Amino acid sequence: MDIDYQKFEDLVMELENRYRAPKLKIKEYALSNEQLGKVRFDEEDIHFEVKQDVSFGLLLVPSSYEESLNLPLLGNKFIRYSIDYHRGPLFQITVESGYWKLKNHDMRYKEYVVELKNTVHLNYWFEQKRWAFIKKEDWLKMYQDMQQDLNQPILRQLELAFADLLDTAAKVRHALSSKQLTPLAKEYISILRDLSWYIERVPKLWFIFNVYSKDMYYRILNRLNNLHKWLDEADAFIYEKEKNHDPIAKIDEENTPLYLLDSAAEPLLLEGYEVFNNSVTPSLQTIFTHNKPFETHANNQTLKDYETIALDISRKKKKTFVWMNEVKAQYYIQKR
């Protein structure tokens, strides 16, 4: 893939100057007993934005709620929200309510009937340095302008190349773990060198458009600095093995440069969650996998459950990175 790397860096700088805005924080509030006692949620319940001041960057939204029992006469109700868009200075959120019923053709599953829906649009005003509610038509014009600026083939090329290198590095690492051969170790180190350029730059683009928070972006840079510490030493370690015609390079042999390099690379390559300041953020690999169809049934609540479990594991085991395998294993135990 022929990529103009300097053009990419210039474009990222231009986009940062134009679109980087403080992330709008979301905080759920509990529904009142009066709301919970209604047969159905009404317009007042879904119009959460009334009398809110979001200038300080905080939006209050109703907690998602769903009744588990479908009453024979009065049925049930639900209310839920979804963040439809949060990129740079633009934000869109929808709150909807209604009821659920069992699907006629397969009564193991529910079908949700939306009766009321409220979509709210916000924009960050750079001159006033604050968030504000805006009209849908104004928001759409800003959205179209931003999409035009993002409609750059080089951005797509870089994200694709990054995803491909992450996947390749993970596969070579897996092969090295089982075969532990010097040529594989040499290939692994070479891929990590190539990957480090992308790790330094693509997450910055994600930070500009709120895929990642500022804290997460700097966490990744710290992880990358740790990786750089061991690249040259691991190279020298493998060079000595080649010089001595030693075919075995054990990645799990503690305190060797190869082991220390791999330990530094793990959070950058594997699926899992970074945990810090009581916040949970998907790793680089997880960002890509969560944007693919899931192999098993999953929804937004599943992802919230994963994050809750990751936070719990982190606290109990005093870990800053929690593997996805650990999270899923605990999730399935809880669901039994």
C-alpha atoms as a PDB file:
ATOM      1  CA  MET A   1       0.000   0.000   0.000  1.00  0.00           C
ATOM      2  CA  ASP A   2       1.549   3.304  -1.148  1.00  0.00           C
ATOM      3  CA  ILE A   3       0.893   5.885   1.577  1.00  0.00           C
ATOM      4  CA  ASP A   4       2.031   9.516   1.699  1.00  0.00           C
ATOM      5  CA  TYR A   5       2.929   9.635   5.397  1.00  0.00           C
ATOM      6  CA  GLN A   6       3.792  13.334   5.434  1.00  0.00           C
ATOM      7  CA  LYS A   7       0.441  14.178   3.863  1.00  0.00           C
ATOM      8  CA  PHE A   8      -1.259  12.187   6.616  1.00  0.00           C
ATOM      9  CA  GLU A   9       0.595  14.048   9.370  1.00  0.00           C
ATOM     10  CA  ASP A  10      -0.209  17.432   7.801  1.00  0.00           C
ATOM     11  CA  LEU A  11      -3.876  16.463   7.489  1.00  0.00           C
ATOM     12  CA  VAL A  12      -4.097  15.311  11.124  1.00  0.00           C
ATOM     13  CA  MET A  13      -2.668  18.652  12.266  1.00  0.00           C
ATOM     14  CA  GLU A  14      -5.220  20.515  10.148  1.00  0.00           C
ATOM     15  CA  LEU A  15      -8.115  18.420  11.498  1.00  0.00           C
ATOM     16  CA  GLU A  16      -6.913  18.897  15.069  1.00  0.00           C
ATOM     17  CA  ASN A  17      -6.906  22.676  14.705  1.00  0.00           C
ATOM     18  CA  ARG A  18     -10.390  22.624  13.219  1.00  0.00           C
ATOM     19  CA  TYR A  19     -12.265  19.933  15.147  1.00  0.00           C
ATOM     20  CA  ARG A  20     -10.665  18.982  18.450  1.00  0.00           C
ATOM     21  CA  ALA A  21     -13.160  19.758  21.210  1.00  0.00           C
ATOM     22  CA  PRO A  22     -13.527  18.727  24.871  1.00  0.00           C
ATOM     23  CA  LYS A  23     -15.478  15.501  25.183  1.00  0.00           C
ATOM     24  CA  LEU A  24     -19.080  15.901  26.307  1.00  0.00           C
ATOM     25  CA  LYS A  25     -19.573  13.893  29.483  1.00  0.00           C
ATOM     26  CA  ILE A  26     -22.709  11.809  30.002  1.00  0.00           C
ATOM     27  CA  LYS A  27     -24.188  11.148  33.429  1.00  0.00           C
ATOM     28  CA  GLU A  28     -27.252   9.002  34.019  1.00  0.00           C
ATOM     29  CA  TYR A  29     -29.867  10.024  36.551  1.00  0.00           C
ATOM     30  CA  ALA A  30     -32.226   7.620  38.318  1.00  0.00           C
ATOM     31  CA  LEU A  31     -35.874   7.576  37.301  1.00  0.00           C
ATOM     32  CA  SER A  32     -38.274   8.778  40.001  1.00  0.00           C
ATOM     33  CA  ASN A  33     -40.846   6.550  41.695  1.00  0.00           C
ATOM     34  CA  GLU A  34     -43.515   8.557  39.910  1.00  0.00           C
ATOM     35  CA  GLN A  35     -41.951   7.764  36.531  1.00  0.00           C
ATOM     36  CA  LEU A  36     -41.510   4.092  37.370  1.00  0.00           C
ATOM     37  CA  GLY A  37     -45.156   3.870  38.475  1.00  0.00           C
ATOM     38  CA  LYS A  38     -46.524   4.945  35.097  1.00  0.00           C
ATOM     39  CA  VAL A  39     -48.156   2.427  32.770  1.00  0.00           C
ATOM     40  CA  ARG A  40     -46.114   3.940  29.906  1.00  0.00           C
ATOM     41  CA  PHE A  41     -43.396   6.560  29.801  1.00  0.00           C
ATOM     42  CA  ASP A  42     -44.596   9.838  28.260  1.00  0.00           C
ATOM     43  CA  GLU A  43     -43.229  12.884  26.421  1.00  0.00           C
ATOM     44  CA  GLU A  44     -42.040  14.509  29.628  1.00  0.00           C
ATOM     45  CA  ASP A  45     -39.865  11.488  30.414  1.00  0.00           C
ATOM     46  CA  ILE A  46     -38.054  11.418  27.084  1.00  0.00           C
ATOM     47  CA  HIS A  47     -37.524  15.200  26.805  1.00  0.00           C
ATOM     48  CA  PHE A  48     -34.637  15.108  29.252  1.00  0.00           C
ATOM     49  CA  GLU A  49     -32.948  18.186  27.748  1.00  0.00           C
ATOM     50  CA  VAL A  50     -35.522  20.661  29.096  1.00  0.00           C
ATOM     51  CA  LYS A  51     -33.948  23.212  31.489  1.00  0.00           C
ATOM     52  CA  GLN A  52     -30.503  21.639  31.179  1.00  0.00           C
ATOM     53  CA  ASP A  53     -27.352  23.750  31.020  1.00  0.00           C
ATOM     54  CA  VAL A  54     -24.670  21.855  29.093  1.00  0.00           C
ATOM     55  CA  SER A  55     -22.225  24.761  28.801  1.00  0.00           C
ATOM     56  CA  PHE A  56     -19.863  23.064  31.276  1.00  0.00           C
ATOM     57  CA  GLY A  57     -19.740  19.871  29.204  1.00  0.00           C
ATOM     58  CA  LEU A  58     -22.084  17.615  31.191  1.00  0.00           C
ATOM     59  CA  LEU A  59     -25.314  16.123  29.811  1.00  0.00           C
ATOM     60  CA  LEU A  60     -27.740  14.369  32.157  1.00  0.00           C
ATOM     61  CA  VAL A  61     -29.724  11.497  30.636  1.00  0.00           C
ATOM     62  CA  PRO A  62     -32.318   9.111  32.102  1.00  0.00           C
ATOM     63  CA  SER A  63     -31.051   5.696  33.137  1.00  0.00           C
ATOM     64  CA  SER A  64     -32.127   2.908  30.820  1.00  0.00           C
ATOM     65  CA  TYR A  65     -34.951   0.863  32.341  1.00  0.00           C
ATOM     66  CA  GLU A  66     -36.902  -2.177  31.206  1.00  0.00           C
ATOM     67  CA  GLU A  67     -39.586  -4.146  32.999  1.00  0.00           C
ATOM     68  CA  SER A  68     -39.016  -7.882  33.008  1.00  0.00           C
ATOM     69  CA  LEU A  69     -42.643  -8.830  33.590  1.00  0.00           C
ATOM     70  CA  ASN A  70     -45.203  -8.454  30.809  1.00  0.00           C
ATOM     71  CA  LEU A  71     -48.514  -7.982  32.647  1.00  0.00           C
ATOM     72  CA  PRO A  72     -51.550  -9.686  31.046  1.00  0.00           C
ATOM     73  CA  LEU A  73     -53.602  -6.456  31.012  1.00  0.00           C
ATOM     74  CA  LEU A  74     -51.195  -3.495  31.210  1.00  0.00           C
ATOM     75  CA  GLY A  75     -48.136  -4.987  29.541  1.00  0.00           C
ATOM     76  CA  ASN A  76     -44.748  -3.401  30.299  1.00  0.00           C
ATOM     77  CA  LYS A  77     -42.561  -0.415  29.477  1.00  0.00           C
ATOM     78  CA  PHE A  78     -38.977   0.506  28.703  1.00  0.00           C
ATOM     79  CA  ILE A  79     -36.891   3.620  28.245  1.00  0.00           C
ATOM     80  CA  ARG A  80     -33.368   3.691  26.842  1.00  0.00           C
ATOM     81  CA  TYR A  81     -30.862   6.018  25.270  1.00  0.00           C
ATOM     82  CA  SER A  82     -28.234   5.614  22.596  1.00  0.00           C
ATOM     83  CA  ILE A  83     -25.378   7.903  21.652  1.00  0.00           C
ATOM     84  CA  ASP A  84     -25.796   8.106  17.897  1.00  0.00           C
ATOM     85  CA  TYR A  85     -22.805  10.295  17.159  1.00  0.00           C
ATOM     86  CA  HIS A  86     -19.948  11.867  19.094  1.00  0.00           C
ATOM     87  CA  ARG A  87     -17.135  13.041  16.883  1.00  0.00           C
ATOM     88  CA  GLY A  88     -15.187  16.219  17.482  1.00  0.00           C
ATOM     89  CA  PRO A  89     -17.558  19.138  18.209  1.00  0.00           C
ATOM     90  CA  LEU A  90     -20.736  17.278  17.207  1.00  0.00           C
ATOM     91  CA  PHE A  91     -22.951  15.130  19.405  1.00  0.00           C
ATOM     92  CA  GLN A  92     -26.289  13.392  18.819  1.00  0.00           C
ATOM     93  CA  ILE A  93     -28.246  11.320  21.333  1.00  0.00           C
ATOM     94  CA  THR A  94     -31.646   9.608  21.177  1.00  0.00           C
ATOM     95  CA  VAL A  95     -33.960   8.651  24.033  1.00  0.00           C
ATOM     96  CA  GLU A  96     -36.847   6.361  23.177  1.00  0.00           C
ATOM     97  CA  SER A  97     -39.585   4.604  25.102  1.00  0.00           C
ATOM     98  CA  GLY A  98     -42.267   2.010  24.457  1.00  0.00           C
ATOM     99  CA  TYR A  99     -42.950  -1.599  25.320  1.00  0.00           C
ATOM    100  CA  TRP A 100     -41.762  -5.049  24.350  1.00  0.00           C
ATOM    101  CA  LYS A 101     -43.594  -8.163  23.219  1.00  0.00           C
ATOM    102  CA  LEU A 102     -42.574 -11.710  22.412  1.00  0.00           C
ATOM    103  CA  LYS A 103     -41.822 -12.438  18.770  1.00  0.00           C
ATOM    104  CA  ASN A 104     -44.574 -14.525  17.196  1.00  0.00           C
ATOM    105  CA  HIS A 105     -42.251 -16.793  15.240  1.00  0.00           C
ATOM    106  CA  ASP A 106     -39.789 -17.364  18.102  1.00  0.00           C
ATOM    107  CA  MET A 107     -41.038 -16.639  21.605  1.00  0.00           C
ATOM    108  CA  ARG A 108     -37.566 -16.926  23.101  1.00  0.00           C
ATOM    109  CA  TYR A 109     -36.920 -13.387  21.918  1.00  0.00           C
ATOM    110  CA  LYS A 110     -38.394  -9.937  22.465  1.00  0.00           C
ATOM    111  CA  GLU A 111     -39.475  -7.379  19.925  1.00  0.00           C
ATOM    112  CA  TYR A 112     -39.278  -3.750  21.039  1.00  0.00           C
ATOM    113  CA  VAL A 113     -42.051  -1.376  19.986  1.00  0.00           C
ATOM    114  CA  VAL A 114     -40.929   2.256  20.111  1.00  0.00           C
ATOM    115  CA  GLU A 115     -43.812   4.631  20.830  1.00  0.00           C
ATOM    116  CA  LEU A 116     -41.915   7.850  21.615  1.00  0.00           C
ATOM    117  CA  LYS A 117     -38.540   9.102  20.430  1.00  0.00           C
ATOM    118  CA  ASN A 118     -36.546  12.252  21.127  1.00  0.00           C
ATOM    119  CA  THR A 119     -33.286  12.988  19.289  1.00  0.00           C
ATOM    120  CA  VAL A 120     -31.176  15.859  20.587  1.00  0.00           C
ATOM    121  CA  HIS A 121     -28.294  17.621  18.826  1.00  0.00           C
ATOM    122  CA  LEU A 122     -25.387  19.475  20.406  1.00  0.00           C
ATOM    123  CA  ASN A 123     -22.381  21.393  19.146  1.00  0.00           C
ATOM    124  CA  TYR A 124     -19.241  22.735  20.786  1.00  0.00           C
ATOM    125  CA  TRP A 125     -18.884  26.479  20.255  1.00  0.00           C
ATOM    126  CA  PHE A 126     -15.154  27.113  19.999  1.00  0.00           C
ATOM    127  CA  GLU A 127     -15.341  30.897  20.413  1.00  0.00           C
ATOM    128  CA  GLN A 128     -17.434  30.695  23.602  1.00  0.00           C
ATOM    129  CA  LYS A 129     -15.666  27.471  24.692  1.00  0.00           C
ATOM    130  CA  ARG A 130     -18.864  25.672  25.638  1.00  0.00           C
ATOM    131  CA  TRP A 131     -21.339  23.021  24.508  1.00  0.00           C
ATOM    132  CA  ALA A 132     -24.864  24.030  23.467  1.00  0.00           C
ATOM    133  CA  PHE A 133     -28.074  22.533  22.067  1.00  0.00           C
ATOM    134  CA  ILE A 134     -28.680  23.389  18.415  1.00  0.00           C
ATOM    135  CA  LYS A 135     -31.357  22.800  15.787  1.00  0.00           C
ATOM    136  CA  LYS A 136     -31.240  19.625  13.740  1.00  0.00           C
ATOM    137  CA  GLU A 137     -30.835  21.477  10.418  1.00  0.00           C
ATOM    138  CA  ASP A 138     -27.838  23.460  11.737  1.00  0.00           C
ATOM    139  CA  TRP A 139     -26.282  20.299  13.138  1.00  0.00           C
ATOM    140  CA  LEU A 140     -26.706  18.467   9.828  1.00  0.00           C
ATOM    141  CA  LYS A 141     -24.971  21.278   7.945  1.00  0.00           C
ATOM    142  CA  MET A 142     -22.002  21.084  10.344  1.00  0.00           C
ATOM    143  CA  TYR A 143     -22.018  17.298  10.061  1.00  0.00           C
ATOM    144  CA  GLN A 144     -21.901  17.433   6.260  1.00  0.00           C
ATOM    145  CA  ASP A 145     -19.016  19.919   6.357  1.00  0.00           C
ATOM    146  CA  MET A 146     -17.054  17.703   8.731  1.00  0.00           C
ATOM    147  CA  GLN A 147     -17.729  14.568   6.687  1.00  0.00           C
ATOM    148  CA  GLN A 148     -16.418  16.361   3.628  1.00  0.00           C
ATOM    149  CA  ASP A 149     -13.171  17.111   5.475  1.00  0.00           C
ATOM    150  CA  LEU A 150     -12.973  13.472   6.598  1.00  0.00           C
ATOM    151  CA  ASN A 151     -13.633  12.175   3.095  1.00  0.00           C
ATOM    152  CA  GLN A 152      -9.919  11.679   2.496  1.00  0.00           C
ATOM    153  CA  PRO A 153      -8.758   8.326   1.060  1.00  0.00           C
ATOM    154  CA  ILE A 154      -5.487   8.585   2.995  1.00  0.00           C
ATOM    155  CA  LEU A 155      -7.334   8.455   6.317  1.00  0.00           C
ATOM    156  CA  ARG A 156      -9.031   5.240   5.264  1.00  0.00           C
ATOM    157  CA  GLN A 157      -5.716   3.825   4.023  1.00  0.00           C
ATOM    158  CA  LEU A 158      -4.037   4.492   7.364  1.00  0.00           C
ATOM    159  CA  GLU A 159      -6.831   3.000   9.459  1.00  0.00           C
ATOM    160  CA  LEU A 160      -6.900  -0.094   7.240  1.00  0.00           C
ATOM    161  CA  ALA A 161      -3.118  -0.466   7.363  1.00  0.00           C
ATOM    162  CA  PHE A 162      -3.173  -0.039  11.144  1.00  0.00           C
ATOM    163  CA  ALA A 163      -5.862  -2.713  11.550  1.00  0.00           C
ATOM    164  CA  ASP A 164      -3.941  -5.078   9.268  1.00  0.00           C
ATOM    165  CA  LEU A 165      -0.645  -4.606  11.116  1.00  0.00           C
ATOM    166  CA  LEU A 166      -2.304  -5.067  14.512  1.00  0.00           C
ATOM    167  CA  ASP A 167      -3.835  -8.315  13.296  1.00  0.00           C
ATOM    168  CA  THR A 168      -0.565  -9.504  11.735  1.00  0.00           C
ATOM    169  CA  ALA A 169       1.415  -8.721  14.890  1.00  0.00           C
ATOM    170  CA  ALA A 170      -1.091 -10.628  17.041  1.00  0.00           C
ATOM    171  CA  LYS A 171      -0.914 -13.661  14.728  1.00  0.00           C
ATOM    172  CA  VAL A 172       2.899 -13.706  14.635  1.00  0.00           C
ATOM    173  CA  ARG A 173       2.958 -13.331  18.422  1.00  0.00           C
ATOM    174  CA  HIS A 174       0.638 -16.340  18.737  1.00  0.00           C
ATOM    175  CA  ALA A 175       2.837 -18.390  16.397  1.00  0.00           C
ATOM    176  CA  LEU A 176       5.947 -17.379  18.339  1.00  0.00           C
ATOM    177  CA  SER A 177       4.304 -18.395  21.622  1.00  0.00           C
ATOM    178  CA  SER A 178       3.804 -21.942  20.355  1.00  0.00           C
ATOM    179  CA  LYS A 179       6.898 -22.486  18.159  1.00  0.00           C
ATOM    180  CA  GLN A 180       9.415 -20.153  19.902  1.00  0.00           C
ATOM    181  CA  LEU A 181      11.738 -19.953  16.885  1.00  0.00           C
ATOM    182  CA  THR A 182      14.372 -17.264  16.327  1.00  0.00           C
ATOM    183  CA  PRO A 183      13.197 -16.314  12.791  1.00  0.00           C
ATOM    184  CA  LEU A 184       9.663 -15.770  14.127  1.00  0.00           C
ATOM    185  CA  ALA A 185      11.021 -13.599  16.927  1.00  0.00           C
ATOM    186  CA  LYS A 186      12.916 -11.516  14.376  1.00  0.00           C
ATOM    187  CA  GLU A 187       9.738 -11.088  12.317  1.00  0.00           C
ATOM    188  CA  TYR A 188       7.783 -10.144  15.451  1.00  0.00           C
ATOM    189  CA  ILE A 189      10.253  -7.395  16.369  1.00  0.00           C
ATOM    190  CA  SER A 190      10.227  -6.050  12.810  1.00  0.00           C
ATOM    191  CA  ILE A 191       6.412  -5.850  12.774  1.00  0.00           C
ATOM    192  CA  LEU A 192       6.404  -4.080  16.155  1.00  0.00           C
ATOM    193  CA  ARG A 193       8.787  -1.465  14.736  1.00  0.00           C
ATOM    194  CA  ASP A 194       6.459  -0.837  11.794  1.00  0.00           C
ATOM    195  CA  LEU A 195       3.419  -0.835  14.036  1.00  0.00           C
ATOM    196  CA  SER A 196       4.875   1.732  16.435  1.00  0.00           C
ATOM    197  CA  TRP A 197       4.626   4.466  13.779  1.00  0.00           C
ATOM    198  CA  TYR A 198       0.878   3.837  13.469  1.00  0.00           C
ATOM    199  CA  ILE A 199       0.343   3.561  17.222  1.00  0.00           C
ATOM    200  CA  GLU A 200       1.882   7.000  17.651  1.00  0.00           C
ATOM    201  CA  ARG A 201      -0.361   8.624  15.032  1.00  0.00           C
ATOM    202  CA  VAL A 202      -3.686   6.880  14.389  1.00  0.00           C
ATOM    203  CA  PRO A 203      -4.890   7.058  18.038  1.00  0.00           C
ATOM    204  CA  LYS A 204      -4.190  10.808  17.880  1.00  0.00           C
ATOM    205  CA  LEU A 205      -6.737  11.024  15.072  1.00  0.00           C
ATOM    206  CA  TRP A 206      -9.152   9.015  17.227  1.00  0.00           C
ATOM    207  CA  PHE A 207      -8.525  11.397  20.130  1.00  0.00           C
ATOM    208  CA  ILE A 208      -9.339  14.420  17.951  1.00  0.00           C
ATOM    209  CA  PHE A 209     -12.713  12.898  17.079  1.00  0.00           C
ATOM    210  CA  ASN A 210     -13.492  11.457  20.547  1.00  0.00           C
ATOM    211  CA  VAL A 211     -13.071   7.782  19.746  1.00  0.00           C
ATOM    212  CA  TYR A 212     -10.551   7.933  22.593  1.00  0.00           C
ATOM    213  CA  SER A 213     -10.312  10.320  25.521  1.00  0.00           C
ATOM    214  CA  LYS A 214      -7.252  12.483  26.121  1.00  0.00           C
ATOM    215  CA  ASP A 215      -6.278  10.260  29.064  1.00  0.00           C
ATOM    216  CA  MET A 216      -6.493   7.126  26.928  1.00  0.00           C
ATOM    217  CA  TYR A 217      -4.438   8.706  24.138  1.00  0.00           C
ATOM    218  CA  TYR A 218      -1.633   9.539  26.584  1.00  0.00           C
ATOM    219  CA  ARG A 219      -1.911   6.079  28.147  1.00  0.00           C
ATOM    220  CA  ILE A 220      -1.217   4.601  24.703  1.00  0.00           C
ATOM    221  CA  LEU A 221       1.784   6.909  24.212  1.00  0.00           C
ATOM    222  CA  ASN A 222       3.157   5.748  27.576  1.00  0.00           C
ATOM    223  CA  ARG A 223       2.663   2.138  26.516  1.00  0.00           C
ATOM    224  CA  LEU A 224       4.483   2.929  23.276  1.00  0.00           C
ATOM    225  CA  ASN A 225       7.420   4.528  25.113  1.00  0.00           C
ATOM    226  CA  ASN A 226       7.728   1.368  27.177  1.00  0.00           C
ATOM    227  CA  LEU A 227       7.741  -0.692  23.969  1.00  0.00           C
ATOM    228  CA  HIS A 228      10.503   1.474  22.480  1.00  0.00           C
ATOM    229  CA  LYS A 229      12.692   0.812  25.531  1.00  0.00           C
ATOM    230  CA  TRP A 230      13.031  -2.859  24.609  1.00  0.00           C
ATOM    231  CA  LEU A 231      13.040  -2.879  20.794  1.00  0.00           C
ATOM    232  CA  ASP A 232      16.784  -2.328  20.367  1.00  0.00           C
ATOM    233  CA  GLU A 233      17.694  -4.721  23.201  1.00  0.00           C
ATOM    234  CA  ALA A 234      15.430  -7.404  21.757  1.00  0.00           C
ATOM    235  CA  ASP A 235      17.013  -6.869  18.336  1.00  0.00           C
ATOM    236  CA  ALA A 236      20.483  -7.336  19.848  1.00  0.00           C
ATOM    237  CA  PHE A 237      19.251 -10.410  21.732  1.00  0.00           C
ATOM    238  CA  ILE A 238      18.025 -12.054  18.507  1.00  0.00           C
ATOM    239  CA  TYR A 239      21.169 -10.985  16.629  1.00  0.00           C
ATOM    240  CA  GLU A 240      23.282 -12.899  19.157  1.00  0.00           C
ATOM    241  CA  LYS A 241      21.086 -15.966  18.732  1.00  0.00           C
ATOM    242  CA  GLU A 242      21.462 -15.829  14.958  1.00  0.00           C
ATOM    243  CA  LYS A 243      25.230 -15.373  15.288  1.00  0.00           C
ATOM    244  CA  ASN A 244      25.390 -18.416  17.546  1.00  0.00           C
ATOM    245  CA  HIS A 245      23.032 -20.414  15.273  1.00  0.00           C
ATOM    246  CA  ASP A 246      20.580 -20.773  18.162  1.00  0.00           C
ATOM    247  CA  PRO A 247      17.144 -21.574  16.647  1.00  0.00           C
ATOM    248  CA  ILE A 248      15.186 -21.200  19.907  1.00  0.00           C
ATOM    249  CA  ALA A 249      13.857 -17.812  21.116  1.00  0.00           C
ATOM    250  CA  LYS A 250      11.604 -18.306  24.117  1.00  0.00           C
ATOM    251  CA  ILE A 251       9.107 -15.504  24.438  1.00  0.00           C
ATOM    252  CA  ASP A 252       8.043 -16.711  27.896  1.00  0.00           C
ATOM    253  CA  GLU A 253      11.565 -16.870  29.389  1.00  0.00           C
ATOM    254  CA  GLU A 254      11.330 -14.217  32.094  1.00  0.00           C
ATOM    255  CA  ASN A 255      13.627 -11.160  32.204  1.00  0.00           C
ATOM    256  CA  THR A 256      15.034 -11.667  28.715  1.00  0.00           C
ATOM    257  CA  PRO A 257      14.765  -8.653  26.369  1.00  0.00           C
ATOM    258  CA  LEU A 258      12.313 -10.587  24.180  1.00  0.00           C
ATOM    259  CA  TYR A 259      10.074 -11.371  27.165  1.00  0.00           C
ATOM    260  CA  LEU A 260      10.164  -7.753  28.371  1.00  0.00           C
ATOM    261  CA  LEU A 261       9.408  -6.474  24.863  1.00  0.00           C
ATOM    262  CA  ASP A 262       6.438  -8.809  24.565  1.00  0.00           C
ATOM    263  CA  SER A 263       5.150  -7.768  27.990  1.00  0.00           C
ATOM    264  CA  ALA A 264       5.239  -4.158  26.813  1.00  0.00           C
ATOM    265  CA  ALA A 265       3.497  -5.069  23.553  1.00  0.00           C
ATOM    266  CA  GLU A 266       0.623  -7.067  25.096  1.00  0.00           C
ATOM    267  CA  PRO A 267      -1.687  -4.128  25.950  1.00  0.00           C
ATOM    268  CA  LEU A 268      -1.136  -2.684  22.478  1.00  0.00           C
ATOM    269  CA  LEU A 269      -1.858  -5.922  20.606  1.00  0.00           C
ATOM    270  CA  LEU A 270      -4.434  -7.904  22.562  1.00  0.00           C
ATOM    271  CA  GLU A 271      -8.162  -7.539  23.017  1.00  0.00           C
ATOM    272  CA  GLY A 272      -9.038  -6.162  26.405  1.00  0.00           C
ATOM    273  CA  TYR A 273      -9.560  -3.007  28.424  1.00  0.00           C
ATOM    274  CA  GLU A 274      -7.322  -0.284  29.794  1.00  0.00           C
ATOM    275  CA  VAL A 275      -8.434   0.647  33.314  1.00  0.00           C
ATOM    276  CA  PHE A 276      -7.379   3.872  35.041  1.00  0.00           C
ATOM    277  CA  ASN A 277      -9.029   6.563  37.185  1.00  0.00           C
ATOM    278  CA  ASN A 278     -12.071   4.254  37.559  1.00  0.00           C
ATOM    279  CA  SER A 279     -12.664   4.442  33.805  1.00  0.00           C
ATOM    280  CA  VAL A 280     -12.625   1.512  31.368  1.00  0.00           C
ATOM    281  CA  THR A 281     -11.593   1.943  27.726  1.00  0.00           C
ATOM    282  CA  PRO A 282     -11.355  -0.669  24.937  1.00  0.00           C
ATOM    283  CA  SER A 283      -7.817  -1.449  23.748  1.00  0.00           C
ATOM    284  CA  LEU A 284      -6.651  -0.723  20.198  1.00  0.00           C
ATOM    285  CA  GLN A 285      -7.511  -4.241  19.030  1.00  0.00           C
ATOM    286  CA  THR A 286     -10.875  -4.136  20.817  1.00  0.00           C
ATOM    287  CA  ILE A 287     -11.856  -0.902  19.046  1.00  0.00           C
ATOM    288  CA  PHE A 288     -11.697  -2.808  15.762  1.00  0.00           C
ATOM    289  CA  THR A 289     -13.348  -6.031  16.963  1.00  0.00           C
ATOM    290  CA  HIS A 290     -16.256  -4.153  18.566  1.00  0.00           C
ATOM    291  CA  ASN A 291     -17.018  -2.664  15.163  1.00  0.00           C
ATOM    292  CA  LYS A 292     -17.465  -6.103  13.596  1.00  0.00           C
ATOM    293  CA  PRO A 293     -20.483  -8.425  13.911  1.00  0.00           C
ATOM    294  CA  PHE A 294     -20.254 -10.378  17.185  1.00  0.00           C
ATOM    295  CA  GLU A 295     -19.949 -14.168  17.129  1.00  0.00           C
ATOM    296  CA  THR A 296     -22.546 -14.507  19.901  1.00  0.00           C
ATOM    297  CA  HIS A 297     -25.576 -12.474  20.915  1.00  0.00           C
ATOM    298  CA  ALA A 298     -24.537  -9.048  22.221  1.00  0.00           C
ATOM    299  CA  ASN A 299     -25.977  -5.572  22.636  1.00  0.00           C
ATOM    300  CA  ASN A 300     -25.035  -2.271  24.273  1.00  0.00           C
ATOM    301  CA  GLN A 301     -25.801  -3.721  27.703  1.00  0.00           C
ATOM    302  CA  THR A 302     -23.364  -6.578  27.015  1.00  0.00           C
ATOM    303  CA  LEU A 303     -20.592  -4.058  26.404  1.00  0.00           C
ATOM    304  CA  LYS A 304     -21.499  -2.201  29.611  1.00  0.00           C
ATOM    305  CA  ASP A 305     -21.362  -5.515  31.494  1.00  0.00           C
ATOM    306  CA  TYR A 306     -17.919  -6.228  30.010  1.00  0.00           C
ATOM    307  CA  GLU A 307     -16.654  -2.856  31.247  1.00  0.00           C
ATOM    308  CA  THR A 308     -18.090  -3.388  34.733  1.00  0.00           C
ATOM    309  CA  ILE A 309     -16.413  -6.795  34.931  1.00  0.00           C
ATOM    310  CA  ALA A 310     -13.095  -5.368  33.654  1.00  0.00           C
ATOM    311  CA  LEU A 311     -13.187  -2.699  36.355  1.00  0.00           C
ATOM    312  CA  ASP A 312     -13.903  -5.315  39.026  1.00  0.00           C
ATOM    313  CA  ILE A 313     -11.039  -7.571  37.853  1.00  0.00           C
ATOM    314  CA  SER A 314      -8.702  -4.593  37.752  1.00  0.00           C
ATOM    315  CA  ARG A 315      -9.500  -3.676  41.344  1.00  0.00           C
ATOM    316  CA  LYS A 316      -9.197  -7.229  42.656  1.00  0.00           C
ATOM    317  CA  LYS A 317      -6.004  -8.131  40.791  1.00  0.00           C
ATOM    318  CA  LYS A 318      -4.490  -4.615  40.749  1.00  0.00           C
ATOM    319  CA  LYS A 319      -4.136  -4.737  36.955  1.00  0.00           C
ATOM    320  CA  THR A 320      -4.142  -1.762  34.596  1.00  0.00           C
ATOM    321  CA  PHE A 321      -4.888  -3.927  31.561  1.00  0.00           C
ATOM    322  CA  VAL A 322      -7.527  -6.675  31.635  1.00  0.00           C
ATOM    323  CA  TRP A 323      -7.600  -9.273  28.855  1.00  0.00           C
ATOM    324  CA  MET A 324     -10.871  -9.806  27.030  1.00  0.00           C
ATOM    325  CA  ASN A 325     -10.617 -13.549  27.681  1.00  0.00           C
ATOM    326  CA  GLU A 326     -10.742 -12.861  31.433  1.00  0.00           C
ATOM    327  CA  VAL A 327     -13.736 -10.557  31.002  1.00  0.00           C
ATOM    328  CA  LYS A 328     -15.726 -13.000  28.867  1.00  0.00           C
ATOM    329  CA  ALA A 329     -14.980 -15.927  31.165  1.00  0.00           C
ATOM    330  CA  GLN A 330     -16.362 -13.978  34.136  1.00  0.00           C
ATOM    331  CA  TYR A 331     -19.318 -12.733  32.071  1.00  0.00           C
ATOM    332  CA  TYR A 332     -20.412 -16.269  31.174  1.00  0.00           C
ATOM    333  CA  ILE A 333     -20.051 -17.399  34.793  1.00  0.00           C
ATOM    334  CA  GLN A 334     -22.383 -14.580  35.879  1.00  0.00           C
ATOM    335  CA  LYS A 335     -24.925 -15.453  33.180  1.00  0.00           C
ATOM    336  CA  ARG A 336     -25.246 -19.118  34.207  1.00  0.00           C
END
